[in-house]
N, C-alpha and C. Protein backbone atom coordinates (compact mmCIF):
# COMPACT_ATOMS: atom_id res chain seq x y z
N MET A 1 44.40 -13.27 -11.62
CA MET A 1 43.30 -14.20 -11.49
C MET A 1 43.50 -15.04 -10.24
N SER A 2 42.52 -15.10 -9.41
CA SER A 2 42.63 -15.87 -8.19
C SER A 2 42.02 -17.26 -8.38
N LEU A 3 42.30 -18.13 -7.44
CA LEU A 3 41.76 -19.49 -7.52
C LEU A 3 40.26 -19.52 -7.34
N THR A 4 39.70 -18.56 -6.62
CA THR A 4 38.24 -18.55 -6.43
C THR A 4 37.52 -18.22 -7.72
N SER A 5 38.16 -17.46 -8.62
CA SER A 5 37.50 -17.16 -9.89
C SER A 5 37.57 -18.35 -10.85
N LEU A 6 38.51 -19.27 -10.63
CA LEU A 6 38.61 -20.47 -11.47
C LEU A 6 37.75 -21.62 -10.97
N ALA A 7 37.21 -21.51 -9.79
CA ALA A 7 36.44 -22.60 -9.19
C ALA A 7 35.25 -23.03 -10.04
N PRO A 8 34.47 -22.11 -10.62
CA PRO A 8 33.35 -22.58 -11.46
C PRO A 8 33.81 -23.32 -12.71
N LEU A 9 34.99 -22.96 -13.22
CA LEU A 9 35.49 -23.66 -14.40
C LEU A 9 35.93 -25.08 -14.08
N LEU A 10 36.42 -25.28 -12.88
CA LEU A 10 36.91 -26.60 -12.49
C LEU A 10 35.82 -27.47 -11.87
N ASP A 11 34.66 -26.92 -11.65
CA ASP A 11 33.57 -27.66 -11.03
C ASP A 11 33.02 -28.69 -12.01
N ALA A 12 32.78 -29.90 -11.54
CA ALA A 12 32.28 -30.97 -12.40
C ALA A 12 30.89 -30.66 -12.92
N ALA A 13 30.08 -29.97 -12.16
CA ALA A 13 28.73 -29.65 -12.61
C ALA A 13 28.76 -28.63 -13.74
N ALA A 14 29.76 -27.77 -13.78
CA ALA A 14 29.86 -26.78 -14.85
C ALA A 14 30.20 -27.42 -16.18
N VAL A 15 30.86 -28.57 -16.16
CA VAL A 15 31.21 -29.27 -17.38
C VAL A 15 30.04 -30.09 -17.91
N GLY A 16 29.09 -30.39 -17.07
CA GLY A 16 27.93 -31.16 -17.49
C GLY A 16 27.89 -32.56 -16.93
N ASP A 17 28.84 -32.91 -16.10
CA ASP A 17 28.87 -34.23 -15.50
C ASP A 17 27.97 -34.23 -14.26
N THR A 18 27.12 -35.23 -14.14
CA THR A 18 26.18 -35.28 -13.03
C THR A 18 26.75 -35.96 -11.81
N GLN A 19 27.89 -36.65 -11.93
CA GLN A 19 28.49 -37.36 -10.82
C GLN A 19 29.63 -36.54 -10.25
N GLU A 20 29.98 -36.85 -9.02
CA GLU A 20 31.15 -36.22 -8.44
C GLU A 20 32.40 -36.91 -8.96
N GLY A 21 33.48 -36.19 -9.01
CA GLY A 21 34.73 -36.79 -9.45
C GLY A 21 35.17 -36.25 -10.79
N VAL A 22 35.84 -37.08 -11.54
CA VAL A 22 36.44 -36.68 -12.80
C VAL A 22 35.35 -36.61 -13.88
N PRO A 23 35.26 -35.49 -14.61
CA PRO A 23 34.25 -35.39 -15.66
C PRO A 23 34.59 -36.26 -16.87
N LEU A 24 33.56 -36.61 -17.62
CA LEU A 24 33.73 -37.46 -18.80
C LEU A 24 34.63 -36.81 -19.83
N ALA A 25 34.54 -35.50 -19.96
CA ALA A 25 35.36 -34.81 -20.96
C ALA A 25 36.85 -34.99 -20.68
N LEU A 26 37.24 -35.05 -19.43
CA LEU A 26 38.64 -35.25 -19.10
C LEU A 26 39.08 -36.68 -19.42
N TYR A 27 38.22 -37.65 -19.14
CA TYR A 27 38.52 -39.04 -19.53
C TYR A 27 38.77 -39.12 -21.04
N LEU A 28 37.88 -38.49 -21.81
CA LEU A 28 37.98 -38.58 -23.26
C LEU A 28 39.17 -37.78 -23.79
N ALA A 29 39.51 -36.68 -23.15
CA ALA A 29 40.67 -35.89 -23.59
C ALA A 29 41.97 -36.67 -23.37
N VAL A 30 42.12 -37.28 -22.21
CA VAL A 30 43.32 -38.08 -21.94
C VAL A 30 43.36 -39.31 -22.84
N SER A 31 42.20 -39.92 -23.05
CA SER A 31 42.13 -41.08 -23.94
C SER A 31 42.51 -40.69 -25.37
N GLY A 32 42.04 -39.57 -25.83
CA GLY A 32 42.39 -39.10 -27.18
C GLY A 32 43.87 -38.79 -27.31
N GLY A 33 44.45 -38.19 -26.26
CA GLY A 33 45.88 -37.91 -26.28
C GLY A 33 46.71 -39.18 -26.33
N LEU A 34 46.33 -40.18 -25.52
CA LEU A 34 47.03 -41.47 -25.56
C LEU A 34 46.90 -42.13 -26.92
N PHE A 35 45.71 -42.03 -27.51
CA PHE A 35 45.49 -42.64 -28.82
C PHE A 35 46.38 -41.98 -29.87
N LEU A 36 46.47 -40.65 -29.83
CA LEU A 36 47.31 -39.95 -30.80
C LEU A 36 48.79 -40.30 -30.63
N LEU A 37 49.25 -40.43 -29.38
CA LEU A 37 50.63 -40.84 -29.14
C LEU A 37 50.89 -42.25 -29.66
N GLY A 38 49.95 -43.15 -29.43
CA GLY A 38 50.09 -44.52 -29.93
C GLY A 38 50.07 -44.58 -31.45
N LEU A 39 49.19 -43.79 -32.06
CA LEU A 39 49.12 -43.76 -33.52
C LEU A 39 50.39 -43.18 -34.11
N LEU A 40 50.93 -42.15 -33.49
CA LEU A 40 52.19 -41.58 -33.95
C LEU A 40 53.31 -42.61 -33.83
N GLY A 41 53.32 -43.37 -32.75
CA GLY A 41 54.33 -44.40 -32.58
C GLY A 41 54.22 -45.51 -33.61
N VAL A 42 53.00 -45.91 -33.94
CA VAL A 42 52.82 -46.98 -34.93
C VAL A 42 53.24 -46.50 -36.32
N LEU A 43 52.96 -45.26 -36.63
CA LEU A 43 53.26 -44.75 -37.97
C LEU A 43 54.73 -44.40 -38.17
N THR A 44 55.46 -44.09 -37.11
CA THR A 44 56.82 -43.61 -37.29
C THR A 44 57.91 -44.58 -36.87
N ARG A 45 57.63 -45.56 -36.06
CA ARG A 45 58.68 -46.44 -35.54
C ARG A 45 58.89 -47.66 -36.42
N ARG A 46 60.13 -48.16 -36.42
CA ARG A 46 60.46 -49.37 -37.17
C ARG A 46 60.84 -50.52 -36.26
N ASN A 47 61.21 -50.22 -35.04
CA ASN A 47 61.60 -51.26 -34.08
C ASN A 47 60.35 -52.00 -33.61
N PRO A 48 60.34 -53.33 -33.66
CA PRO A 48 59.13 -54.06 -33.27
C PRO A 48 58.77 -53.90 -31.79
N LEU A 49 59.75 -53.70 -30.94
CA LEU A 49 59.43 -53.50 -29.52
C LEU A 49 58.70 -52.17 -29.32
N LEU A 50 59.13 -51.14 -30.02
CA LEU A 50 58.45 -49.85 -29.92
C LEU A 50 57.07 -49.90 -30.57
N LEU A 51 56.93 -50.71 -31.60
CA LEU A 51 55.61 -50.89 -32.20
C LEU A 51 54.65 -51.56 -31.22
N LEU A 52 55.13 -52.57 -30.51
CA LEU A 52 54.30 -53.22 -29.50
C LEU A 52 53.90 -52.23 -28.41
N LEU A 53 54.82 -51.39 -28.02
CA LEU A 53 54.54 -50.39 -27.00
C LEU A 53 53.49 -49.39 -27.49
N ALA A 54 53.58 -49.01 -28.76
CA ALA A 54 52.61 -48.07 -29.32
C ALA A 54 51.22 -48.71 -29.44
N VAL A 55 51.18 -49.99 -29.78
CA VAL A 55 49.89 -50.68 -29.85
C VAL A 55 49.27 -50.78 -28.46
N GLU A 56 50.11 -50.99 -27.45
CA GLU A 56 49.60 -51.02 -26.08
C GLU A 56 49.00 -49.66 -25.69
N LEU A 57 49.63 -48.58 -26.14
CA LEU A 57 49.06 -47.25 -25.88
C LEU A 57 47.69 -47.11 -26.54
N LEU A 58 47.55 -47.62 -27.75
CA LEU A 58 46.26 -47.57 -28.44
C LEU A 58 45.20 -48.33 -27.66
N LEU A 59 45.55 -49.53 -27.21
CA LEU A 59 44.58 -50.34 -26.47
C LEU A 59 44.24 -49.72 -25.11
N ASN A 60 45.22 -49.14 -24.44
CA ASN A 60 44.95 -48.51 -23.15
C ASN A 60 44.11 -47.25 -23.31
N SER A 61 44.26 -46.54 -24.42
CA SER A 61 43.40 -45.38 -24.63
C SER A 61 41.95 -45.81 -24.84
N ALA A 62 41.76 -46.92 -25.53
CA ALA A 62 40.40 -47.44 -25.69
C ALA A 62 39.83 -47.89 -24.35
N ASN A 63 40.67 -48.50 -23.52
CA ASN A 63 40.23 -48.91 -22.18
C ASN A 63 39.82 -47.71 -21.34
N LEU A 64 40.59 -46.65 -21.42
CA LEU A 64 40.27 -45.46 -20.64
C LEU A 64 38.95 -44.85 -21.08
N ALA A 65 38.69 -44.83 -22.38
CA ALA A 65 37.40 -44.33 -22.87
C ALA A 65 36.26 -45.23 -22.40
N LEU A 66 36.47 -46.54 -22.44
CA LEU A 66 35.43 -47.48 -21.97
C LEU A 66 35.12 -47.27 -20.49
N VAL A 67 36.15 -47.10 -19.68
CA VAL A 67 35.94 -46.90 -18.25
C VAL A 67 35.29 -45.56 -17.99
N GLY A 68 35.67 -44.54 -18.75
CA GLY A 68 35.05 -43.23 -18.59
C GLY A 68 33.56 -43.25 -18.90
N PHE A 69 33.18 -43.86 -20.01
CA PHE A 69 31.76 -43.97 -20.35
C PHE A 69 31.02 -44.85 -19.35
N SER A 70 31.68 -45.89 -18.88
CA SER A 70 31.05 -46.77 -17.90
C SER A 70 30.76 -46.03 -16.60
N ARG A 71 31.70 -45.21 -16.17
CA ARG A 71 31.47 -44.41 -14.95
C ARG A 71 30.39 -43.36 -15.19
N TYR A 72 30.39 -42.77 -16.38
CA TYR A 72 29.42 -41.71 -16.68
C TYR A 72 27.99 -42.26 -16.66
N TRP A 73 27.79 -43.42 -17.27
CA TRP A 73 26.45 -44.00 -17.34
C TRP A 73 26.14 -44.88 -16.14
N ASN A 74 27.11 -45.05 -15.24
CA ASN A 74 26.93 -45.80 -14.00
C ASN A 74 26.53 -47.26 -14.25
N VAL A 75 27.24 -47.89 -15.19
CA VAL A 75 27.07 -49.31 -15.48
C VAL A 75 28.45 -49.97 -15.44
N THR A 76 28.49 -51.26 -15.31
CA THR A 76 29.77 -51.97 -15.22
C THR A 76 30.18 -52.64 -16.53
N ASP A 77 29.40 -52.48 -17.59
CA ASP A 77 29.71 -53.14 -18.86
C ASP A 77 31.06 -52.68 -19.42
N GLY A 78 31.35 -51.40 -19.31
CA GLY A 78 32.62 -50.89 -19.82
C GLY A 78 33.82 -51.44 -19.06
N HIS A 79 33.65 -51.62 -17.76
CA HIS A 79 34.73 -52.19 -16.96
C HIS A 79 35.01 -53.63 -17.37
N VAL A 80 33.97 -54.40 -17.60
CA VAL A 80 34.13 -55.80 -17.99
C VAL A 80 34.78 -55.89 -19.37
N PHE A 81 34.33 -55.05 -20.29
CA PHE A 81 34.90 -55.07 -21.64
C PHE A 81 36.35 -54.60 -21.61
N ALA A 82 36.69 -53.64 -20.75
CA ALA A 82 38.08 -53.19 -20.62
C ALA A 82 38.95 -54.31 -20.09
N LEU A 83 38.43 -55.12 -19.19
CA LEU A 83 39.18 -56.26 -18.69
C LEU A 83 39.45 -57.28 -19.80
N VAL A 84 38.47 -57.50 -20.67
CA VAL A 84 38.66 -58.41 -21.80
C VAL A 84 39.73 -57.86 -22.74
N VAL A 85 39.72 -56.55 -22.98
CA VAL A 85 40.72 -55.93 -23.84
C VAL A 85 42.11 -56.09 -23.23
N MET A 86 42.21 -55.99 -21.90
CA MET A 86 43.51 -56.18 -21.24
C MET A 86 44.03 -57.61 -21.41
N VAL A 87 43.14 -58.58 -21.38
CA VAL A 87 43.55 -59.98 -21.59
C VAL A 87 44.05 -60.16 -23.02
N VAL A 88 43.35 -59.59 -23.97
CA VAL A 88 43.79 -59.68 -25.37
C VAL A 88 45.13 -58.98 -25.55
N ALA A 89 45.32 -57.83 -24.90
CA ALA A 89 46.58 -57.10 -25.00
C ALA A 89 47.73 -57.91 -24.40
N ALA A 90 47.47 -58.60 -23.30
CA ALA A 90 48.51 -59.43 -22.70
C ALA A 90 48.90 -60.58 -23.63
N ALA A 91 47.92 -61.19 -24.28
CA ALA A 91 48.22 -62.26 -25.23
C ALA A 91 49.00 -61.73 -26.42
N GLU A 92 48.66 -60.54 -26.86
CA GLU A 92 49.36 -59.93 -27.99
C GLU A 92 50.82 -59.65 -27.63
N VAL A 93 51.06 -59.22 -26.42
CA VAL A 93 52.44 -58.95 -25.98
C VAL A 93 53.24 -60.24 -25.90
N VAL A 94 52.65 -61.29 -25.40
CA VAL A 94 53.36 -62.57 -25.29
C VAL A 94 53.76 -63.08 -26.68
N ILE A 95 52.84 -63.04 -27.62
CA ILE A 95 53.14 -63.51 -28.98
C ILE A 95 54.15 -62.60 -29.65
N GLY A 96 53.97 -61.30 -29.51
CA GLY A 96 54.89 -60.35 -30.13
C GLY A 96 56.30 -60.45 -29.59
N LEU A 97 56.43 -60.55 -28.27
CA LEU A 97 57.76 -60.68 -27.69
C LEU A 97 58.41 -62.01 -28.06
N GLY A 98 57.60 -63.07 -28.17
CA GLY A 98 58.13 -64.35 -28.62
C GLY A 98 58.69 -64.27 -30.03
N LEU A 99 57.99 -63.56 -30.91
CA LEU A 99 58.50 -63.38 -32.28
C LEU A 99 59.78 -62.54 -32.30
N VAL A 100 59.83 -61.49 -31.48
CA VAL A 100 61.02 -60.65 -31.43
C VAL A 100 62.22 -61.43 -30.92
N VAL A 101 62.02 -62.24 -29.89
CA VAL A 101 63.12 -63.05 -29.36
C VAL A 101 63.57 -64.08 -30.40
N ALA A 102 62.65 -64.69 -31.12
CA ALA A 102 63.01 -65.67 -32.15
C ALA A 102 63.81 -65.01 -33.27
N VAL A 103 63.44 -63.82 -33.66
CA VAL A 103 64.17 -63.11 -34.71
C VAL A 103 65.54 -62.69 -34.19
N PHE A 104 65.61 -62.24 -32.95
CA PHE A 104 66.88 -61.79 -32.38
C PHE A 104 67.87 -62.95 -32.23
N ARG A 105 67.37 -64.13 -31.89
CA ARG A 105 68.25 -65.29 -31.73
C ARG A 105 68.86 -65.73 -33.06
N GLN A 106 68.19 -65.47 -34.16
CA GLN A 106 68.74 -65.83 -35.46
C GLN A 106 69.66 -64.74 -36.01
N ARG A 107 69.90 -63.72 -35.20
CA ARG A 107 70.79 -62.61 -35.55
C ARG A 107 70.31 -61.86 -36.79
N LEU A 108 69.01 -61.75 -36.94
CA LEU A 108 68.44 -60.98 -38.04
C LEU A 108 68.23 -59.54 -37.58
N ALA A 109 68.06 -58.66 -38.53
CA ALA A 109 67.85 -57.26 -38.20
C ALA A 109 66.46 -57.08 -37.60
N LEU A 110 66.39 -56.26 -36.57
CA LEU A 110 65.10 -55.97 -35.94
C LEU A 110 64.49 -54.73 -36.57
N ASP A 111 64.23 -54.82 -37.86
CA ASP A 111 63.60 -53.73 -38.59
C ASP A 111 62.31 -54.26 -39.20
N VAL A 112 61.22 -53.57 -38.94
CA VAL A 112 59.91 -54.04 -39.38
C VAL A 112 59.83 -54.11 -40.90
N ASP A 113 60.47 -53.17 -41.60
CA ASP A 113 60.43 -53.19 -43.06
C ASP A 113 61.14 -54.41 -43.63
N GLN A 114 62.20 -54.86 -42.96
CA GLN A 114 62.93 -56.04 -43.45
C GLN A 114 62.26 -57.34 -43.03
N MET A 115 61.40 -57.29 -42.01
CA MET A 115 60.69 -58.49 -41.53
C MET A 115 59.29 -58.60 -42.13
N SER A 116 59.07 -58.02 -43.28
CA SER A 116 57.71 -57.99 -43.82
C SER A 116 57.24 -59.36 -44.27
N SER A 117 58.15 -60.27 -44.59
CA SER A 117 57.72 -61.62 -44.98
C SER A 117 58.32 -62.63 -44.02
N MET A 118 57.51 -63.58 -43.64
CA MET A 118 57.95 -64.63 -42.71
C MET A 118 58.50 -65.80 -43.53
N LYS A 119 59.76 -66.11 -43.31
CA LYS A 119 60.41 -67.21 -44.03
C LYS A 119 60.69 -68.32 -43.07
N GLY A 120 60.58 -69.59 -43.52
CA GLY A 120 60.82 -70.74 -42.68
C GLY A 120 62.25 -71.11 -42.53
């Protein structure tokens, strides 16, 4: 198989995208893959730092889908909403890391199952 025979398959117009550049299907495929990795991390990890990282993957996959749809429909609403999601994600990281540092300073175990209740 030569590269010239693959050219129609790689062409953006063949996928159904009317704009030049990356097709919407590729945005959604990468976004779905990131979401599945984040979901797998949330369901299987016990370390709170890894949980925060997995939640960030979930939020970034949503951002990628928003930006992909925004580019596809040629509007800026998705970009603005993705920026708002990034601000919320940054706040979530600050609060989460603050809790992890507070637990670590008290020499408690960094296991999510053992930290299920907050004690004063």
